[in-house]
PDB file of all heavy atoms in Angstrom:
ATOM      1  N   PRO A   1     107.073  67.980  96.372  1.00  0.00           N
ATOM      2  CA  PRO A   1     106.734  66.932  95.409  1.00  0.00           C
ATOM      3  C   PRO A   1     105.652  65.965  95.881  1.00  0.00           C
ATOM      4  O   PRO A   1     105.077  65.249  95.068  1.00  0.00           O
ATOM      5  CB  PRO A   1     108.062  66.202  95.189  1.00  0.00           C
ATOM      6  CG  PRO A   1     108.863  66.498  96.405  1.00  0.00           C
ATOM      7  CD  PRO A   1     108.422  67.849  96.897  1.00  0.00           C
ATOM      8  N   ASP A   2     105.334  65.959  97.161  1.00  0.00           N
ATOM      9  CA  ASP A   2     104.414  64.953  97.687  1.00  0.00           C
ATOM     10  C   ASP A   2     102.940  65.319  97.611  1.00  0.00           C
ATOM     11  O   ASP A   2     102.090  64.442  97.695  1.00  0.00           O
ATOM     12  CB  ASP A   2     104.772  64.625  99.133  1.00  0.00           C
ATOM     13  CG  ASP A   2     106.150  63.996  99.238  1.00  0.00           C
ATOM     14  OD1 ASP A   2     106.585  63.342  98.266  1.00  0.00           O
ATOM     15  OD2 ASP A   2     106.800  64.179 100.283  1.00  0.00           O
ATOM     16  N   ALA A   3     102.629  66.610  97.492  1.00  0.00           N
ATOM     17  CA  ALA A   3     101.220  67.014  97.449  1.00  0.00           C
ATOM     18  C   ALA A   3     101.050  68.146  96.447  1.00  0.00           C
ATOM     19  O   ALA A   3     101.821  69.111  96.460  1.00  0.00           O
ATOM     20  CB  ALA A   3     100.750  67.464  98.828  1.00  0.00           C
ATOM     21  N   PRO A   4     100.049  68.049  95.602  1.00  0.00           N
ATOM     22  CA  PRO A   4      99.850  69.105  94.610  1.00  0.00           C
ATOM     23  C   PRO A   4      99.310  70.390  95.221  1.00  0.00           C
ATOM     24  O   PRO A   4      98.706  70.374  96.300  1.00  0.00           O
ATOM     25  CB  PRO A   4      98.828  68.492  93.644  1.00  0.00           C
ATOM     26  CG  PRO A   4      98.104  67.482  94.441  1.00  0.00           C
ATOM     27  CD  PRO A   4      99.081  66.962  95.457  1.00  0.00           C
ATOM     28  N   VAL A   5      99.562  71.483  94.524  1.00  0.00           N
ATOM     29  CA  VAL A   5      98.964  72.764  94.851  1.00  0.00           C
ATOM     30  C   VAL A   5      97.938  73.049  93.764  1.00  0.00           C
ATOM     31  O   VAL A   5      98.255  73.007  92.572  1.00  0.00           O
ATOM     32  CB  VAL A   5     100.026  73.888  94.917  1.00  0.00           C
ATOM     33  CG1 VAL A   5      99.360  75.241  95.126  1.00  0.00           C
ATOM     34  CG2 VAL A   5     101.042  73.596  96.015  1.00  0.00           C
ATOM     35  N   LEU A   6      96.718  73.305  94.183  1.00  0.00           N
ATOM     36  CA  LEU A   6      95.629  73.588  93.256  1.00  0.00           C
ATOM     37  C   LEU A   6      95.190  75.022  93.469  1.00  0.00           C
ATOM     38  O   LEU A   6      94.798  75.388  94.574  1.00  0.00           O
ATOM     39  CB  LEU A   6      94.439  72.650  93.508  1.00  0.00           C
ATOM     40  CG  LEU A   6      94.743  71.169  93.730  1.00  0.00           C
ATOM     41  CD1 LEU A   6      93.466  70.401  94.005  1.00  0.00           C
ATOM     42  CD2 LEU A   6      95.482  70.599  92.545  1.00  0.00           C
ATOM     43  N   ILE A   7      95.281  75.824  92.447  1.00  0.00           N
ATOM     44  CA  ILE A   7      94.811  77.208  92.539  1.00  0.00           C
ATOM     45  C   ILE A   7      93.454  77.254  91.848  1.00  0.00           C
ATOM     46  O   ILE A   7      93.360  77.133  90.622  1.00  0.00           O
ATOM     47  CB  ILE A   7      95.811  78.198  91.924  1.00  0.00           C
ATOM     48  CG1 ILE A   7      97.165  78.082  92.631  1.00  0.00           C
ATOM     49  CG2 ILE A   7      95.264  79.627  92.040  1.00  0.00           C
ATOM     50  CD1 ILE A   7      98.256  78.973  92.057  1.00  0.00           C
ATOM     51  N   ASP A   8      92.412  77.375  92.666  1.00  0.00           N
ATOM     52  CA  ASP A   8      91.032  77.333  92.178  1.00  0.00           C
ATOM     53  C   ASP A   8      90.603  78.744  91.782  1.00  0.00           C
ATOM     54  O   ASP A   8      90.391  79.611  92.633  1.00  0.00           O
ATOM     55  CB  ASP A   8      90.123  76.776  93.272  1.00  0.00           C
ATOM     56  CG  ASP A   8      88.688  76.610  92.819  1.00  0.00           C
ATOM     57  OD1 ASP A   8      88.342  77.030  91.688  1.00  0.00           O
ATOM     58  OD2 ASP A   8      87.891  76.054  93.603  1.00  0.00           O
ATOM     59  N   LEU A   9      90.469  78.946  90.482  1.00  0.00           N
ATOM     60  CA  LEU A   9      90.121  80.246  89.935  1.00  0.00           C
ATOM     61  C   LEU A   9      88.668  80.304  89.457  1.00  0.00           C
ATOM     62  O   LEU A   9      88.293  81.212  88.718  1.00  0.00           O
ATOM     63  CB  LEU A   9      91.071  80.590  88.773  1.00  0.00           C
ATOM     64  CG  LEU A   9      92.557  80.608  89.139  1.00  0.00           C
ATOM     65  CD1 LEU A   9      93.407  80.793  87.887  1.00  0.00           C
ATOM     66  CD2 LEU A   9      92.852  81.686  90.163  1.00  0.00           C
ATOM     67  N   SER A  10      87.852  79.356  89.892  1.00  0.00           N
ATOM     68  CA  SER A  10      86.474  79.286  89.393  1.00  0.00           C
ATOM     69  C   SER A  10      85.636  80.502  89.792  1.00  0.00           C
ATOM     70  O   SER A  10      84.663  80.821  89.111  1.00  0.00           O
ATOM     71  CB  SER A  10      85.800  77.990  89.842  1.00  0.00           C
ATOM     72  OG  SER A  10      85.809  77.870  91.241  1.00  0.00           O
ATOM     73  N   ALA A  11      86.009  81.206  90.859  1.00  0.00           N
ATOM     74  CA  ALA A  11      85.263  82.397  91.275  1.00  0.00           C
ATOM     75  C   ALA A  11      85.989  83.692  90.910  1.00  0.00           C
ATOM     76  O   ALA A  11      85.616  84.770  91.369  1.00  0.00           O
ATOM     77  CB  ALA A  11      84.993  82.347  92.778  1.00  0.00           C
ATOM     78  N   LEU A  12      87.013  83.584  90.065  1.00  0.00           N
ATOM     79  CA  LEU A  12      87.747  84.765  89.610  1.00  0.00           C
ATOM     80  C   LEU A  12      86.919  85.464  88.541  1.00  0.00           C
ATOM     81  O   LEU A  12      86.483  84.841  87.574  1.00  0.00           O
ATOM     82  CB  LEU A  12      89.108  84.349  89.045  1.00  0.00           C
ATOM     83  CG  LEU A  12      90.090  85.465  88.739  1.00  0.00           C
ATOM     84  CD1 LEU A  12      90.547  86.144  90.023  1.00  0.00           C
ATOM     85  CD2 LEU A  12      91.290  84.909  87.987  1.00  0.00           C
ATOM     86  N   THR A  13      86.705  86.767  88.707  1.00  0.00           N
ATOM     87  CA  THR A  13      85.888  87.504  87.743  1.00  0.00           C
ATOM     88  C   THR A  13      86.718  88.370  86.809  1.00  0.00           C
ATOM     89  O   THR A  13      86.231  88.807  85.769  1.00  0.00           O
ATOM     90  CB  THR A  13      84.868  88.401  88.469  1.00  0.00           C
ATOM     91  OG1 THR A  13      85.565  89.285  89.354  1.00  0.00           O
ATOM     92  CG2 THR A  13      83.876  87.553  89.262  1.00  0.00           C
ATOM     93  N   TYR A  14      87.988  88.634  87.169  1.00  0.00           N
ATOM     94  CA  TYR A  14      88.843  89.489  86.356  1.00  0.00           C
ATOM     95  C   TYR A  14      90.292  89.168  86.683  1.00  0.00           C
ATOM     96  O   TYR A  14      90.629  88.883  87.835  1.00  0.00           O
ATOM     97  CB  TYR A  14      88.554  90.965  86.655  1.00  0.00           C
ATOM     98  CG  TYR A  14      89.472  91.921  85.938  1.00  0.00           C
ATOM     99  CD1 TYR A  14      89.252  92.265  84.612  1.00  0.00           C
ATOM    100  CD2 TYR A  14      90.575  92.466  86.585  1.00  0.00           C
ATOM    101  CE1 TYR A  14      90.108  93.138  83.944  1.00  0.00           C
ATOM    102  CE2 TYR A  14      91.432  93.341  85.931  1.00  0.00           C
ATOM    103  CZ  TYR A  14      91.196  93.667  84.612  1.00  0.00           C
ATOM    104  OH  TYR A  14      92.026  94.521  83.959  1.00  0.00           O
ATOM    105  N   CYS A  15      91.162  89.237  85.671  1.00  0.00           N
ATOM    106  CA  CYS A  15      92.593  89.029  85.890  1.00  0.00           C
ATOM    107  C   CYS A  15      93.370  89.856  84.888  1.00  0.00           C
ATOM    108  O   CYS A  15      93.157  89.721  83.682  1.00  0.00           O
ATOM    109  CB  CYS A  15      92.940  87.545  85.741  1.00  0.00           C
ATOM    110  SG  CYS A  15      94.659  87.151  86.074  1.00  0.00           S
ATOM    111  N   ASP A  16      94.257  90.722  85.389  1.00  0.00           N
ATOM    112  CA  ASP A  16      95.095  91.492  84.484  1.00  0.00           C
ATOM    113  C   ASP A  16      96.502  90.896  84.452  1.00  0.00           C
ATOM    114  O   ASP A  16      96.752  89.821  85.010  1.00  0.00           O
ATOM    115  CB  ASP A  16      95.094  92.983  84.855  1.00  0.00           C
ATOM    116  CG  ASP A  16      95.866  93.314  86.123  1.00  0.00           C
ATOM    117  OD1 ASP A  16      96.471  92.406  86.745  1.00  0.00           O
ATOM    118  OD2 ASP A  16      95.881  94.504  86.501  1.00  0.00           O
ATOM    119  N   SER A  17      97.420  91.599  83.812  1.00  0.00           N
ATOM    120  CA  SER A  17      98.774  91.068  83.648  1.00  0.00           C
ATOM    121  C   SER A  17      99.491  90.879  84.986  1.00  0.00           C
ATOM    122  O   SER A  17     100.302  89.963  85.132  1.00  0.00           O
ATOM    123  CB  SER A  17      99.600  91.966  82.727  1.00  0.00           C
ATOM    124  OG  SER A  17      99.719  93.258  83.272  1.00  0.00           O
ATOM    125  N   THR A  18      99.186  91.704  85.962  1.00  0.00           N
ATOM    126  CA  THR A  18      99.794  91.532  87.282  1.00  0.00           C
ATOM    127  C   THR A  18      99.345  90.214  87.899  1.00  0.00           C
ATOM    128  O   THR A  18     100.139  89.480  88.482  1.00  0.00           O
ATOM    129  CB  THR A  18      99.434  92.704  88.214  1.00  0.00           C
ATOM    130  OG1 THR A  18      99.795  93.929  87.587  1.00  0.00           O
ATOM    131  CG2 THR A  18     100.138  92.578  89.551  1.00  0.00           C
ATOM    132  N   GLY A  19      98.084  89.891  87.748  1.00  0.00           N
ATOM    133  CA  GLY A  19      97.563  88.624  88.259  1.00  0.00           C
ATOM    134  C   GLY A  19      98.200  87.437  87.562  1.00  0.00           C
ATOM    135  O   GLY A  19      98.548  86.442  88.201  1.00  0.00           O
ATOM    136  N   ILE A  20      98.366  87.551  86.262  1.00  0.00           N
ATOM    137  CA  ILE A  20      99.017  86.475  85.512  1.00  0.00           C
ATOM    138  C   ILE A  20     100.444  86.295  85.994  1.00  0.00           C
ATOM    139  O   ILE A  20     100.928  85.175  86.143  1.00  0.00           O
ATOM    140  CB  ILE A  20      98.925  86.745  84.001  1.00  0.00           C
ATOM    141  CG1 ILE A  20      97.473  86.568  83.539  1.00  0.00           C
ATOM    142  CG2 ILE A  20      99.855  85.828  83.220  1.00  0.00           C
ATOM    143  CD1 ILE A  20      97.200  86.987  82.117  1.00  0.00           C
ATOM    144  N   THR A  21     101.112  87.400  86.304  1.00  0.00           N
ATOM    145  CA  THR A  21     102.478  87.323  86.817  1.00  0.00           C
ATOM    146  C   THR A  21     102.521  86.569  88.145  1.00  0.00           C
ATOM    147  O   THR A  21     103.439  85.774  88.386  1.00  0.00           O
ATOM    148  CB  THR A  21     103.079  88.736  86.967  1.00  0.00           C
ATOM    149  OG1 THR A  21     103.108  89.348  85.678  1.00  0.00           O
ATOM    150  CG2 THR A  21     104.481  88.693  87.540  1.00  0.00           C
ATOM    151  N   VAL A  22     101.553  86.785  89.003  1.00  0.00           N
ATOM    152  CA  VAL A  22     101.494  86.056  90.277  1.00  0.00           C
ATOM    153  C   VAL A  22     101.385  84.551  90.004  1.00  0.00           C
ATOM    154  O   VAL A  22     102.069  83.742  90.644  1.00  0.00           O
ATOM    155  CB  VAL A  22     100.309  86.540  91.145  1.00  0.00           C
ATOM    156  CG1 VAL A  22     100.125  85.651  92.369  1.00  0.00           C
ATOM    157  CG2 VAL A  22     100.515  87.987  91.560  1.00  0.00           C
ATOM    158  N   LEU A  23     100.566  84.177  89.049  1.00  0.00           N
ATOM    159  CA  LEU A  23     100.386  82.754  88.728  1.00  0.00           C
ATOM    160  C   LEU A  23     101.651  82.168  88.109  1.00  0.00           C
ATOM    161  O   LEU A  23     102.037  81.033  88.426  1.00  0.00           O
ATOM    162  CB  LEU A  23      99.183  82.576  87.803  1.00  0.00           C
ATOM    163  CG  LEU A  23      97.845  83.015  88.394  1.00  0.00           C
ATOM    164  CD1 LEU A  23      96.749  82.946  87.334  1.00  0.00           C
ATOM    165  CD2 LEU A  23      97.480  82.176  89.612  1.00  0.00           C
ATOM    166  N   VAL A  24     102.311  82.915  87.248  1.00  0.00           N
ATOM    167  CA  VAL A  24     103.556  82.440  86.642  1.00  0.00           C
ATOM    168  C   VAL A  24     104.636  82.285  87.722  1.00  0.00           C
ATOM    169  O   VAL A  24     105.418  81.335  87.702  1.00  0.00           O
ATOM    170  CB  VAL A  24     104.015  83.373  85.501  1.00  0.00           C
ATOM    171  CG1 VAL A  24     105.415  83.035  85.032  1.00  0.00           C
ATOM    172  CG2 VAL A  24     103.028  83.294  84.333  1.00  0.00           C
ATOM    173  N   THR A  25     104.665  83.195  88.672  1.00  0.00           N
ATOM    174  CA  THR A  25     105.619  83.091  89.785  1.00  0.00           C
ATOM    175  C   THR A  25     105.357  81.813  90.583  1.00  0.00           C
ATOM    176  O   THR A  25     106.306  81.119  90.979  1.00  0.00           O
ATOM    177  CB  THR A  25     105.531  84.336  90.684  1.00  0.00           C
ATOM    178  OG1 THR A  25     105.832  85.494  89.892  1.00  0.00           O
ATOM    179  CG2 THR A  25     106.501  84.260  91.848  1.00  0.00           C
ATOM    180  N   ALA A  26     104.093  81.479  90.800  1.00  0.00           N
ATOM    181  CA  ALA A  26     103.756  80.228  91.485  1.00  0.00           C
ATOM    182  C   ALA A  26     104.232  79.028  90.668  1.00  0.00           C
ATOM    183  O   ALA A  26     104.747  78.045  91.223  1.00  0.00           O
ATOM    184  CB  ALA A  26     102.253  80.144  91.729  1.00  0.00           C
ATOM    185  N   TYR A  27     104.086  79.104  89.363  1.00  0.00           N
ATOM    186  CA  TYR A  27     104.558  78.037  88.479  1.00  0.00           C
ATOM    187  C   TYR A  27     106.062  77.837  88.639  1.00  0.00           C
ATOM    188  O   TYR A  27     106.539  76.712  88.779  1.00  0.00           O
ATOM    189  CB  TYR A  27     104.201  78.364  87.027  1.00  0.00           C
ATOM    190  CG  TYR A  27     104.884  77.467  86.032  1.00  0.00           C
ATOM    191  CD1 TYR A  27     104.369  76.199  85.757  1.00  0.00           C
ATOM    192  CD2 TYR A  27     106.047  77.860  85.385  1.00  0.00           C
ATOM    193  CE1 TYR A  27     105.007  75.362  84.856  1.00  0.00           C
ATOM    194  CE2 TYR A  27     106.684  77.035  84.489  1.00  0.00           C
ATOM    195  CZ  TYR A  27     106.161  75.778  84.229  1.00  0.00           C
ATOM    196  OH  TYR A  27     106.810  74.950  83.341  1.00  0.00           O
ATOM    197  N   HIS A  28     106.824  78.919  88.630  1.00  0.00           N
ATOM    198  CA  HIS A  28     108.280  78.811  88.764  1.00  0.00           C
ATOM    199  C   HIS A  28     108.668  78.240  90.131  1.00  0.00           C
ATOM    200  O   HIS A  28     109.589  77.426  90.226  1.00  0.00           O
ATOM    201  CB  HIS A  28     108.953  80.168  88.538  1.00  0.00           C
ATOM    202  CG  HIS A  28     108.937  80.587  87.107  1.00  0.00           C
ATOM    203  ND1 HIS A  28     109.604  79.905  86.114  1.00  0.00           N
ATOM    204  CD2 HIS A  28     108.325  81.613  86.483  1.00  0.00           C
ATOM    205  CE1 HIS A  28     109.406  80.494  84.952  1.00  0.00           C
ATOM    206  NE2 HIS A  28     108.623  81.530  85.142  1.00  0.00           N
ATOM    207  N   ARG A  29     107.953  78.648  91.164  1.00  0.00           N
ATOM    208  CA  ARG A  29     108.223  78.101  92.498  1.00  0.00           C
ATOM    209  C   ARG A  29     107.952  76.602  92.513  1.00  0.00           C
ATOM    210  O   ARG A  29     108.731  75.824  93.073  1.00  0.00           O
ATOM    211  CB  ARG A  29     107.354  78.810  93.528  1.00  0.00           C
ATOM    212  CG  ARG A  29     107.594  78.312  94.931  1.00  0.00           C
ATOM    213  CD  ARG A  29     106.842  79.119  95.952  1.00  0.00           C
ATOM    214  NE  ARG A  29     106.933  78.451  97.232  1.00  0.00           N
ATOM    215  CZ  ARG A  29     105.997  78.512  98.149  1.00  0.00           C
ATOM    216  NH1 ARG A  29     104.909  79.241  97.954  1.00  0.00           N
ATOM    217  NH2 ARG A  29     106.140  77.868  99.289  1.00  0.00           N
ATOM    218  N   ALA A  30     106.857  76.177  91.900  1.00  0.00           N
ATOM    219  CA  ALA A  30     106.527  74.754  91.846  1.00  0.00           C
ATOM    220  C   ALA A  30     107.599  73.972  91.095  1.00  0.00           C
ATOM    221  O   ALA A  30     107.999  72.883  91.521  1.00  0.00           O
ATOM    222  CB  ALA A  30     105.154  74.558  91.193  1.00  0.00           C
ATOM    223  N   CYS A  31     108.075  74.532  89.999  1.00  0.00           N
ATOM    224  CA  CYS A  31     109.111  73.853  89.205  1.00  0.00           C
ATOM    225  C   CYS A  31     110.393  73.657  90.001  1.00  0.00           C
ATOM    226  O   CYS A  31     111.043  72.609  89.902  1.00  0.00           O
ATOM    227  CB  CYS A  31     109.403  74.633  87.932  1.00  0.00           C
ATOM    228  SG  CYS A  31     108.095  74.514  86.701  1.00  0.00           S
ATOM    229  N   LYS A  32     110.772  74.654  90.785  1.00  0.00           N
ATOM    230  CA  LYS A  32     112.013  74.583  91.555  1.00  0.00           C
ATOM    231  C   LYS A  32     112.033  73.419  92.541  1.00  0.00           C
ATOM    232  O   LYS A  32     113.094  72.884  92.850  1.00  0.00           O
ATOM    233  CB  LYS A  32     112.251  75.883  92.319  1.00  0.00           C
ATOM    234  CG  LYS A  32     112.722  77.015  91.452  1.00  0.00           C
ATOM    235  CD  LYS A  32     112.970  78.261  92.281  1.00  0.00           C
ATOM    236  CE  LYS A  32     113.354  79.412  91.377  1.00  0.00           C
ATOM    237  NZ  LYS A  32     113.509  80.662  92.135  1.00  0.00           N
ATOM    238  N   VAL A  33     110.857  73.043  93.052  1.00  0.00           N
ATOM    239  CA  VAL A  33     110.798  71.972  94.055  1.00  0.00           C
ATOM    240  C   VAL A  33     110.051  70.742  93.536  1.00  0.00           C
ATOM    241  O   VAL A  33     109.692  69.860  94.306  1.00  0.00           O
ATOM    242  CB  VAL A  33     110.179  72.478  95.377  1.00  0.00           C
ATOM    243  CG1 VAL A  33     111.054  73.544  96.011  1.00  0.00           C
ATOM    244  CG2 VAL A  33     108.761  72.980  95.175  1.00  0.00           C
ATOM    245  N   ASP A  34     109.823  70.709  92.217  1.00  0.00           N
ATOM    246  CA  ASP A  34     109.145  69.577  91.576  1.00  0.00           C
ATOM    247  C   ASP A  34     107.765  69.320  92.176  1.00  0.00           C
ATOM    248  O   ASP A  34     107.366  68.179  92.397  1.00  0.00           O
ATOM    249  CB  ASP A  34     110.024  68.326  91.651  1.00  0.00           C
ATOM    250  CG  ASP A  34     109.623  67.289  90.615  1.00  0.00           C
ATOM    251  OD1 ASP A  34     109.091  67.680  89.566  1.00  0.00           O
ATOM    252  OD2 ASP A  34     109.833  66.089  90.885  1.00  0.00           O
TER     253      ASP A  34
END
């Protein structure tokens, strides 16, 4: 809760459903620990 996590995707050129799943998993992890 004390420091944000920033996922910088500005140099991402392609993302499929597997990649989106990785990001959603990060979201759920962040939610668990606020």
